[in-house]
Structures are given as structure tokens and as C-alpha cells.
């Protein structure tokens, strides 16, 4: 360790980052209160590597990144993106979309529908909602910025 004033402060070995050192100290698995063995390192490594996988409830996270439009008539900057996590009605999938602030609710719904249909899902009419504050986003012309969905939001799809 290194002395700082009267206290000794732990530092990772030379050449290793703090995260790498802490990761190496984690147990590979732990036992939950009900006796289930839970993998620790594998799941954290997948998250750090950005891999999509299913969690213990079988919910898959799918990342969908939309291209930022840079047309001359647009005032919006590519840096002004919102990250939206949208849970499907059956709870089996969470879509994570990164869209510019000026994207409309209608375009968001189209992106969600297109992605789900590409995966073979039959998409009926649906609405997009938040739970807190409780709100349904039904104005297709409203932008993410106008709807308060920036810089990020958690949304839910419901069948209508």
C-alpha cells in the first residue's frame, strides 16, 4: 500500500487497472439464499464486453442504434442522442435504442415495429408508456425532447 497522511491506501499492482484487479478478486460463483449457484465473473465479463445475453428471467437485451442524420436543415447535433430501453409486452425482450433528440414518437414506434418484425414477431397495434410519471406517448409528431425522454428513459410497450 501507499501511505497518505496517517492512512495507508491500497493500490493495484503496477501495470493493472483497478477494475482488472478487482475483477480478478471476485469469486467465479456464489450461492444464493435458496441454494442456487450464481455465476459472477462470467456475467460481469459479458456485460463489460457488451455482449447481449439473457438474464436469469430470460429477458434478452437487444441494442438497436439508429444512424444520426446530419442533413443541412437539421439543427440537432449527433451528440444529442437519447438512450431508450423499451420492454416488450410479454417481458421477454428489452430493446435499447439510441436515437437523436429530434426523433418523433411515430419514428420510434416504426423503429420498434420494424425491429420486432425482422425477428419474426407478429406486431399488433401498441402504445408506448412510462410508469413514473405514468404517461402514454400517443402523439406521433411529438419529439423525444418534447416528451421528456432525454437523455434516457425506460418505456413499456402495451397492446392496444
N, C-alpha and C. Protein backbone atom coordinates (compact mmCIF):
# COMPACT_ATOMS: atom_id res chain seq x y z
N UNK A 1 0.80 -1.18 0.00
CA UNK A 1 0.00 0.00 0.00
C UNK A 1 0.85 1.24 0.00
N UNK A 2 0.23 2.36 -0.14
CA UNK A 2 0.88 3.66 -0.17
C UNK A 2 0.35 4.47 0.99
N UNK A 3 1.24 5.13 1.72
CA UNK A 3 0.82 5.95 2.86
C UNK A 3 0.39 7.32 2.38
N UNK A 4 -0.79 7.73 2.81
CA UNK A 4 -1.30 9.07 2.53
C UNK A 4 -1.65 9.66 3.87
N UNK A 5 -0.85 10.63 4.29
CA UNK A 5 -1.05 11.17 5.63
C UNK A 5 -0.81 10.08 6.65
N UNK A 6 -1.80 9.82 7.51
CA UNK A 6 -1.68 8.79 8.53
C UNK A 6 -2.26 7.46 8.09
N UNK A 7 -2.95 7.43 6.92
CA UNK A 7 -3.60 6.20 6.47
C UNK A 7 -2.83 5.56 5.33
N UNK A 8 -2.97 4.25 5.26
CA UNK A 8 -2.38 3.52 4.15
C UNK A 8 -3.48 3.23 3.14
N UNK A 9 -3.22 3.54 1.88
CA UNK A 9 -4.21 3.38 0.83
C UNK A 9 -3.76 2.25 -0.08
N UNK A 10 -4.71 1.33 -0.39
CA UNK A 10 -4.39 0.20 -1.25
C UNK A 10 -4.35 0.66 -2.70
N UNK A 11 -3.36 0.20 -3.45
CA UNK A 11 -3.26 0.48 -4.88
C UNK A 11 -3.04 -0.82 -5.62
N UNK A 12 -3.58 -0.93 -6.83
CA UNK A 12 -3.37 -2.15 -7.60
C UNK A 12 -1.91 -2.28 -8.01
N UNK A 13 -1.51 -3.50 -8.32
CA UNK A 13 -0.14 -3.75 -8.77
C UNK A 13 0.13 -2.96 -10.03
N UNK A 14 1.38 -2.60 -10.25
CA UNK A 14 1.77 -1.83 -11.42
C UNK A 14 1.36 -2.56 -12.69
N UNK A 15 0.88 -1.81 -13.68
CA UNK A 15 0.51 -2.41 -14.95
C UNK A 15 -0.93 -2.90 -15.00
N UNK A 16 -1.62 -2.93 -13.91
CA UNK A 16 -3.02 -3.37 -13.90
C UNK A 16 -3.91 -2.21 -13.48
N UNK A 17 -5.05 -2.13 -14.10
CA UNK A 17 -6.03 -1.13 -13.71
C UNK A 17 -6.78 -1.60 -12.49
N UNK A 18 -7.42 -0.68 -11.82
CA UNK A 18 -8.19 -1.01 -10.63
C UNK A 18 -9.30 -2.01 -10.96
N UNK A 19 -10.01 -1.78 -12.08
CA UNK A 19 -11.10 -2.68 -12.47
C UNK A 19 -10.61 -4.09 -12.72
N UNK A 20 -9.46 -4.23 -13.40
CA UNK A 20 -8.90 -5.55 -13.69
C UNK A 20 -8.53 -6.26 -12.39
N UNK A 21 -7.92 -5.52 -11.48
CA UNK A 21 -7.51 -6.11 -10.21
C UNK A 21 -8.73 -6.54 -9.39
N UNK A 22 -9.75 -5.70 -9.32
CA UNK A 22 -10.96 -6.05 -8.58
C UNK A 22 -11.67 -7.23 -9.23
N UNK A 23 -11.71 -7.26 -10.56
CA UNK A 23 -12.35 -8.37 -11.26
C UNK A 23 -11.67 -9.69 -10.93
N UNK A 24 -10.34 -9.68 -10.86
CA UNK A 24 -9.61 -10.91 -10.55
C UNK A 24 -9.91 -11.40 -9.14
N UNK A 25 -10.26 -10.49 -8.24
CA UNK A 25 -10.54 -10.87 -6.85
C UNK A 25 -11.96 -11.40 -6.64
N UNK A 26 -12.84 -11.22 -7.63
CA UNK A 26 -14.22 -11.70 -7.49
C UNK A 26 -14.27 -13.22 -7.52
N UNK A 27 -15.20 -13.80 -6.77
CA UNK A 27 -15.37 -15.26 -6.87
C UNK A 27 -16.01 -15.58 -8.22
N UNK A 28 -15.76 -16.77 -8.74
CA UNK A 28 -16.36 -17.14 -10.02
C UNK A 28 -17.85 -17.39 -9.88
N UNK A 29 -18.29 -17.82 -8.70
CA UNK A 29 -19.72 -18.02 -8.46
C UNK A 29 -20.03 -17.87 -6.97
N UNK A 30 -21.31 -17.65 -6.67
CA UNK A 30 -21.77 -17.54 -5.28
C UNK A 30 -23.03 -18.37 -5.14
N UNK A 31 -23.41 -18.66 -3.92
CA UNK A 31 -24.61 -19.44 -3.64
C UNK A 31 -25.65 -18.49 -3.04
N UNK A 32 -26.84 -18.48 -3.66
CA UNK A 32 -27.90 -17.60 -3.18
C UNK A 32 -28.54 -18.18 -1.92
N UNK A 33 -29.43 -17.42 -1.30
CA UNK A 33 -30.09 -17.84 -0.07
C UNK A 33 -30.91 -19.12 -0.26
N UNK A 34 -31.44 -19.33 -1.48
CA UNK A 34 -32.24 -20.53 -1.72
C UNK A 34 -31.41 -21.69 -2.26
N UNK A 35 -30.09 -21.54 -2.30
CA UNK A 35 -29.21 -22.63 -2.69
C UNK A 35 -28.79 -22.67 -4.14
N UNK A 36 -29.27 -21.71 -4.96
CA UNK A 36 -28.87 -21.67 -6.36
C UNK A 36 -27.44 -21.16 -6.50
N UNK A 37 -26.69 -21.74 -7.44
CA UNK A 37 -25.34 -21.27 -7.73
C UNK A 37 -25.46 -20.18 -8.80
N UNK A 38 -24.91 -19.01 -8.51
CA UNK A 38 -25.00 -17.87 -9.41
C UNK A 38 -23.61 -17.54 -9.91
N UNK A 39 -23.45 -17.53 -11.23
CA UNK A 39 -22.18 -17.16 -11.84
C UNK A 39 -21.96 -15.67 -11.64
N UNK A 40 -20.76 -15.28 -11.27
CA UNK A 40 -20.46 -13.87 -11.07
C UNK A 40 -19.56 -13.36 -12.18
N UNK A 41 -18.40 -13.95 -12.32
CA UNK A 41 -17.41 -13.45 -13.28
C UNK A 41 -17.89 -13.53 -14.73
N UNK A 42 -18.51 -14.63 -15.11
CA UNK A 42 -18.94 -14.78 -16.50
C UNK A 42 -19.94 -13.70 -16.90
N UNK A 43 -20.93 -13.45 -16.03
CA UNK A 43 -21.94 -12.45 -16.35
C UNK A 43 -21.35 -11.05 -16.40
N UNK A 44 -20.45 -10.73 -15.49
CA UNK A 44 -19.82 -9.42 -15.49
C UNK A 44 -18.95 -9.25 -16.73
N UNK A 45 -18.22 -10.30 -17.10
CA UNK A 45 -17.38 -10.23 -18.28
C UNK A 45 -18.22 -10.00 -19.54
N UNK A 46 -19.38 -10.65 -19.64
CA UNK A 46 -20.26 -10.45 -20.78
C UNK A 46 -20.74 -9.00 -20.85
N UNK A 47 -21.09 -8.45 -19.68
CA UNK A 47 -21.52 -7.05 -19.65
C UNK A 47 -20.41 -6.11 -20.07
N UNK A 48 -19.20 -6.35 -19.58
CA UNK A 48 -18.07 -5.50 -19.92
C UNK A 48 -17.72 -5.59 -21.40
N UNK A 49 -17.92 -6.75 -21.98
CA UNK A 49 -17.62 -6.94 -23.40
C UNK A 49 -18.77 -6.48 -24.29
N UNK A 50 -19.89 -6.07 -23.68
CA UNK A 50 -21.02 -5.57 -24.44
C UNK A 50 -21.83 -6.63 -25.14
N UNK A 51 -21.69 -7.87 -24.73
CA UNK A 51 -22.45 -8.95 -25.36
C UNK A 51 -23.88 -8.91 -24.85
N UNK A 52 -24.83 -9.20 -25.75
CA UNK A 52 -26.21 -9.32 -25.32
C UNK A 52 -26.45 -10.75 -24.93
N UNK A 53 -27.18 -10.92 -23.88
CA UNK A 53 -27.44 -12.26 -23.37
C UNK A 53 -28.76 -12.21 -22.63
N UNK A 54 -29.19 -13.31 -22.12
CA UNK A 54 -30.41 -13.34 -21.34
C UNK A 54 -30.07 -13.36 -19.86
N UNK A 55 -30.84 -12.62 -19.08
CA UNK A 55 -30.62 -12.64 -17.65
C UNK A 55 -31.33 -13.84 -17.05
N UNK A 56 -31.34 -13.95 -15.73
CA UNK A 56 -31.91 -15.12 -15.07
C UNK A 56 -33.41 -15.27 -15.32
N UNK A 57 -34.08 -14.22 -15.74
CA UNK A 57 -35.51 -14.31 -16.03
C UNK A 57 -35.75 -14.58 -17.52
N UNK A 58 -34.68 -14.72 -18.29
CA UNK A 58 -34.83 -15.00 -19.71
C UNK A 58 -35.13 -13.77 -20.53
N UNK A 59 -34.81 -12.59 -20.04
CA UNK A 59 -35.08 -11.36 -20.77
C UNK A 59 -33.84 -10.99 -21.57
N UNK A 60 -34.00 -10.92 -22.88
CA UNK A 60 -32.88 -10.56 -23.74
C UNK A 60 -32.85 -9.06 -23.96
N UNK A 61 -31.66 -8.48 -23.97
CA UNK A 61 -31.50 -7.06 -24.26
C UNK A 61 -30.91 -6.95 -25.66
N UNK A 62 -31.60 -6.24 -26.53
CA UNK A 62 -31.16 -6.08 -27.91
C UNK A 62 -30.86 -4.60 -28.12
N UNK A 63 -29.64 -4.30 -28.55
CA UNK A 63 -29.26 -2.91 -28.79
C UNK A 63 -29.48 -2.57 -30.26
N UNK A 64 -30.22 -1.51 -30.50
CA UNK A 64 -30.51 -1.04 -31.86
C UNK A 64 -30.05 0.40 -31.90
N UNK A 65 -29.02 0.69 -32.71
CA UNK A 65 -28.51 2.06 -32.78
C UNK A 65 -28.89 2.64 -34.13
N UNK A 66 -29.66 3.71 -34.11
CA UNK A 66 -30.07 4.38 -35.34
C UNK A 66 -29.00 5.39 -35.75
N UNK A 67 -28.82 5.52 -37.03
CA UNK A 67 -27.82 6.47 -37.54
C UNK A 67 -28.28 7.88 -37.27
N UNK A 68 -27.35 8.73 -36.92
CA UNK A 68 -27.66 10.14 -36.68
C UNK A 68 -27.72 10.84 -38.03
N UNK A 69 -28.81 11.55 -38.26
CA UNK A 69 -28.93 12.28 -39.53
C UNK A 69 -28.20 13.60 -39.41
N UNK A 70 -27.46 13.94 -40.43
CA UNK A 70 -26.68 15.18 -40.42
C UNK A 70 -27.08 16.05 -41.59
N UNK A 71 -28.35 16.13 -41.89
CA UNK A 71 -28.80 16.95 -43.01
C UNK A 71 -28.58 18.42 -42.68
N UNK A 72 -28.43 19.22 -43.73
CA UNK A 72 -28.12 20.64 -43.53
C UNK A 72 -29.28 21.39 -42.89
N UNK A 73 -30.52 20.89 -43.05
CA UNK A 73 -31.67 21.60 -42.47
C UNK A 73 -31.94 21.22 -41.02
N UNK A 74 -31.15 20.32 -40.48
CA UNK A 74 -31.36 19.89 -39.10
C UNK A 74 -30.45 20.66 -38.16
N UNK A 75 -31.01 21.15 -37.06
CA UNK A 75 -30.21 21.87 -36.06
C UNK A 75 -29.61 20.92 -35.06
N UNK A 76 -30.12 19.70 -35.00
CA UNK A 76 -29.72 18.75 -33.96
C UNK A 76 -28.30 18.26 -34.18
N UNK A 77 -27.59 18.14 -33.12
CA UNK A 77 -26.23 17.61 -33.14
C UNK A 77 -26.27 16.10 -32.96
N UNK A 78 -25.29 15.41 -33.56
CA UNK A 78 -25.22 13.96 -33.40
C UNK A 78 -24.94 13.59 -31.95
N UNK A 79 -24.40 14.50 -31.18
CA UNK A 79 -24.11 14.22 -29.77
C UNK A 79 -25.38 14.24 -28.93
N UNK A 80 -26.45 14.79 -29.47
CA UNK A 80 -27.70 14.87 -28.73
C UNK A 80 -28.55 13.64 -29.00
N UNK A 81 -28.15 12.52 -28.41
CA UNK A 81 -28.86 11.26 -28.57
C UNK A 81 -29.49 10.84 -27.26
N UNK A 82 -30.62 10.19 -27.36
CA UNK A 82 -31.31 9.65 -26.19
C UNK A 82 -31.22 8.14 -26.23
N UNK A 83 -30.98 7.52 -25.09
CA UNK A 83 -30.96 6.07 -24.99
C UNK A 83 -32.27 5.63 -24.35
N UNK A 84 -33.03 4.84 -25.10
CA UNK A 84 -34.34 4.39 -24.65
C UNK A 84 -34.33 2.88 -24.49
N UNK A 85 -34.80 2.41 -23.36
CA UNK A 85 -34.96 0.97 -23.13
C UNK A 85 -36.45 0.70 -23.14
N UNK A 86 -36.88 -0.18 -24.04
CA UNK A 86 -38.30 -0.46 -24.23
C UNK A 86 -38.55 -1.93 -23.97
N UNK A 87 -39.37 -2.21 -22.98
CA UNK A 87 -39.70 -3.59 -22.62
C UNK A 87 -40.92 -4.02 -23.43
N UNK A 88 -40.82 -5.20 -24.07
CA UNK A 88 -41.93 -5.71 -24.88
C UNK A 88 -43.07 -6.17 -23.97
N UNK A 89 -44.29 -6.27 -24.52
CA UNK A 89 -45.45 -6.62 -23.69
C UNK A 89 -45.32 -7.94 -22.94
N UNK A 90 -44.67 -8.93 -23.56
CA UNK A 90 -44.54 -10.23 -22.88
C UNK A 90 -43.38 -10.24 -21.89
N UNK A 91 -42.61 -9.16 -21.85
CA UNK A 91 -41.48 -9.06 -20.92
C UNK A 91 -40.29 -9.89 -21.33
N UNK A 92 -40.34 -10.52 -22.49
CA UNK A 92 -39.27 -11.40 -22.93
C UNK A 92 -38.10 -10.71 -23.57
N UNK A 93 -38.25 -9.44 -23.89
CA UNK A 93 -37.17 -8.74 -24.57
C UNK A 93 -37.17 -7.27 -24.18
N UNK A 94 -35.98 -6.71 -24.09
CA UNK A 94 -35.83 -5.27 -23.87
C UNK A 94 -35.04 -4.73 -25.04
N UNK A 95 -35.61 -3.77 -25.74
CA UNK A 95 -34.91 -3.12 -26.84
C UNK A 95 -34.23 -1.88 -26.31
N UNK A 96 -32.99 -1.68 -26.66
CA UNK A 96 -32.28 -0.47 -26.28
C UNK A 96 -31.97 0.29 -27.55
N UNK A 97 -32.61 1.43 -27.71
CA UNK A 97 -32.43 2.25 -28.91
C UNK A 97 -31.72 3.54 -28.56
N UNK A 98 -30.83 3.95 -29.42
CA UNK A 98 -30.15 5.23 -29.28
C UNK A 98 -30.58 6.07 -30.47
N UNK A 99 -31.32 7.14 -30.18
CA UNK A 99 -31.91 7.97 -31.23
C UNK A 99 -31.65 9.44 -30.95
N UNK A 100 -31.57 10.27 -32.00
CA UNK A 100 -31.41 11.71 -31.81
C UNK A 100 -32.62 12.31 -31.08
N UNK A 101 -32.38 13.38 -30.35
CA UNK A 101 -33.43 14.04 -29.57
C UNK A 101 -34.62 14.45 -30.44
N UNK A 102 -34.37 14.80 -31.71
CA UNK A 102 -35.44 15.30 -32.58
C UNK A 102 -36.28 14.18 -33.20
N UNK A 103 -36.00 12.92 -32.89
CA UNK A 103 -36.79 11.80 -33.41
C UNK A 103 -38.20 11.88 -32.85
N UNK A 104 -39.18 11.61 -33.68
CA UNK A 104 -40.57 11.68 -33.23
C UNK A 104 -41.00 10.34 -32.61
N UNK A 105 -42.06 10.40 -31.84
CA UNK A 105 -42.64 9.19 -31.24
C UNK A 105 -43.08 8.24 -32.36
N UNK A 106 -43.62 8.78 -33.43
CA UNK A 106 -44.02 7.96 -34.57
C UNK A 106 -42.84 7.20 -35.17
N UNK A 107 -41.70 7.89 -35.31
CA UNK A 107 -40.50 7.24 -35.84
C UNK A 107 -39.98 6.19 -34.86
N UNK A 108 -40.08 6.46 -33.57
CA UNK A 108 -39.68 5.49 -32.54
C UNK A 108 -40.53 4.23 -32.66
N UNK A 109 -41.86 4.39 -32.78
CA UNK A 109 -42.75 3.25 -32.91
C UNK A 109 -42.44 2.46 -34.18
N UNK A 110 -42.13 3.15 -35.26
CA UNK A 110 -41.79 2.49 -36.52
C UNK A 110 -40.51 1.68 -36.36
N UNK A 111 -39.51 2.24 -35.68
CA UNK A 111 -38.24 1.54 -35.46
C UNK A 111 -38.46 0.28 -34.62
N UNK A 112 -39.27 0.39 -33.59
CA UNK A 112 -39.56 -0.77 -32.73
C UNK A 112 -40.29 -1.84 -33.53
N UNK A 113 -41.32 -1.44 -34.26
CA UNK A 113 -42.11 -2.38 -35.06
C UNK A 113 -41.22 -3.08 -36.10
N UNK A 114 -40.41 -2.31 -36.80
CA UNK A 114 -39.52 -2.86 -37.83
C UNK A 114 -38.56 -3.87 -37.24
N UNK A 115 -37.96 -3.53 -36.12
CA UNK A 115 -37.00 -4.45 -35.49
C UNK A 115 -37.68 -5.75 -35.06
N UNK A 116 -38.83 -5.65 -34.44
CA UNK A 116 -39.52 -6.85 -33.96
C UNK A 116 -40.01 -7.72 -35.12
N UNK A 117 -40.49 -7.08 -36.19
CA UNK A 117 -40.96 -7.84 -37.35
C UNK A 117 -39.80 -8.54 -38.06
N UNK A 118 -38.61 -7.92 -38.09
CA UNK A 118 -37.43 -8.56 -38.67
C UNK A 118 -37.09 -9.84 -37.91
N UNK A 119 -37.37 -9.84 -36.62
CA UNK A 119 -37.11 -11.01 -35.79
C UNK A 119 -38.22 -12.05 -35.87
N UNK A 120 -39.23 -11.79 -36.70
CA UNK A 120 -40.30 -12.77 -36.89
C UNK A 120 -41.50 -12.58 -35.98
N UNK A 121 -41.52 -11.52 -35.20
CA UNK A 121 -42.65 -11.29 -34.29
C UNK A 121 -43.83 -10.69 -35.04
N UNK A 122 -45.02 -11.09 -34.66
CA UNK A 122 -46.24 -10.50 -35.20
C UNK A 122 -46.56 -9.31 -34.30
N UNK A 123 -46.46 -8.11 -34.86
CA UNK A 123 -46.64 -6.90 -34.05
C UNK A 123 -48.03 -6.32 -34.30
N UNK A 124 -48.86 -6.37 -33.27
CA UNK A 124 -50.19 -5.77 -33.33
C UNK A 124 -50.05 -4.30 -32.99
N UNK A 125 -51.14 -3.59 -32.93
CA UNK A 125 -51.06 -2.19 -32.54
C UNK A 125 -50.62 -2.11 -31.08
N UNK A 126 -49.80 -1.13 -30.79
CA UNK A 126 -49.27 -0.99 -29.44
C UNK A 126 -49.09 0.47 -29.09
N UNK A 127 -48.98 0.71 -27.80
CA UNK A 127 -48.67 2.06 -27.32
C UNK A 127 -47.37 1.98 -26.53
N UNK A 128 -46.77 3.13 -26.33
CA UNK A 128 -45.54 3.22 -25.55
C UNK A 128 -45.83 4.09 -24.34
N UNK A 129 -45.44 3.59 -23.17
CA UNK A 129 -45.79 4.25 -21.91
C UNK A 129 -44.58 4.32 -20.97
N UNK A 130 -44.69 5.20 -20.01
CA UNK A 130 -43.78 5.21 -18.86
C UNK A 130 -44.63 4.87 -17.64
N UNK A 131 -43.96 4.35 -16.60
CA UNK A 131 -44.72 4.06 -15.38
C UNK A 131 -44.66 5.21 -14.40
N UNK A 132 -43.51 5.89 -14.35
CA UNK A 132 -43.41 7.03 -13.43
C UNK A 132 -42.63 8.13 -14.10
N UNK A 133 -43.22 9.24 -14.34
CA UNK A 133 -44.64 9.51 -14.15
C UNK A 133 -45.45 8.74 -15.20
N UNK A 134 -46.63 8.28 -14.82
CA UNK A 134 -47.47 7.49 -15.72
C UNK A 134 -47.90 8.34 -16.91
N UNK A 135 -47.52 7.88 -18.09
CA UNK A 135 -47.88 8.63 -19.30
C UNK A 135 -47.86 7.71 -20.50
N UNK A 136 -48.81 7.91 -21.40
CA UNK A 136 -48.83 7.21 -22.68
C UNK A 136 -48.39 8.21 -23.74
N UNK A 137 -47.48 7.79 -24.61
CA UNK A 137 -46.98 8.65 -25.68
C UNK A 137 -47.78 8.33 -26.94
N UNK A 138 -48.84 9.13 -27.17
CA UNK A 138 -49.76 8.85 -28.27
C UNK A 138 -49.70 9.89 -29.39
N UNK A 139 -48.94 10.95 -29.22
CA UNK A 139 -48.79 11.96 -30.27
C UNK A 139 -47.58 11.60 -31.12
N UNK A 140 -47.84 11.05 -32.31
CA UNK A 140 -46.75 10.59 -33.17
C UNK A 140 -45.83 11.72 -33.63
N UNK A 141 -46.30 12.96 -33.62
CA UNK A 141 -45.48 14.08 -34.08
C UNK A 141 -44.60 14.66 -32.97
N UNK A 142 -44.84 14.27 -31.73
CA UNK A 142 -44.05 14.76 -30.60
C UNK A 142 -42.63 14.19 -30.66
N UNK A 143 -41.63 15.03 -30.38
CA UNK A 143 -40.24 14.56 -30.40
C UNK A 143 -39.87 13.98 -29.03
N UNK A 144 -38.76 13.25 -29.01
CA UNK A 144 -38.27 12.70 -27.74
C UNK A 144 -37.98 13.83 -26.76
N UNK A 145 -37.43 14.92 -27.25
CA UNK A 145 -37.11 16.07 -26.41
C UNK A 145 -38.39 16.68 -25.83
N UNK A 146 -39.40 16.88 -26.67
CA UNK A 146 -40.67 17.44 -26.20
C UNK A 146 -41.36 16.53 -25.20
N UNK A 147 -41.19 15.21 -25.37
CA UNK A 147 -41.82 14.25 -24.48
C UNK A 147 -41.05 14.00 -23.19
N UNK A 148 -39.89 14.66 -23.03
CA UNK A 148 -39.09 14.48 -21.81
C UNK A 148 -38.36 13.14 -21.77
N UNK A 149 -38.09 12.55 -22.93
CA UNK A 149 -37.44 11.25 -22.99
C UNK A 149 -35.93 11.36 -23.27
N UNK A 150 -35.35 12.44 -22.80
CA UNK A 150 -33.91 12.66 -22.97
C UNK A 150 -33.28 12.91 -21.61
N UNK A 151 -32.07 12.55 -21.36
CA UNK A 151 -31.15 11.83 -22.24
C UNK A 151 -31.41 10.33 -22.28
N UNK A 152 -32.28 9.81 -21.39
CA UNK A 152 -32.60 8.39 -21.42
C UNK A 152 -33.96 8.17 -20.76
N UNK A 153 -34.55 7.00 -21.06
CA UNK A 153 -35.86 6.69 -20.48
C UNK A 153 -36.10 5.20 -20.54
N UNK A 154 -36.90 4.72 -19.60
CA UNK A 154 -37.37 3.34 -19.58
C UNK A 154 -38.85 3.36 -19.97
N UNK A 155 -39.17 2.62 -21.04
CA UNK A 155 -40.52 2.61 -21.59
C UNK A 155 -41.07 1.21 -21.65
N UNK A 156 -42.39 1.11 -21.75
CA UNK A 156 -43.05 -0.19 -21.84
C UNK A 156 -44.00 -0.18 -23.01
N UNK A 157 -43.99 -1.27 -23.79
CA UNK A 157 -44.95 -1.45 -24.86
C UNK A 157 -46.18 -2.12 -24.26
N UNK A 158 -47.38 -1.66 -24.65
CA UNK A 158 -48.60 -2.33 -24.25
C UNK A 158 -49.47 -2.51 -25.48
N UNK A 159 -50.16 -3.65 -25.57
CA UNK A 159 -51.06 -3.89 -26.70
C UNK A 159 -52.27 -2.99 -26.57
N UNK A 160 -52.72 -2.46 -27.70
CA UNK A 160 -53.93 -1.61 -27.67
C UNK A 160 -55.05 -2.25 -28.46
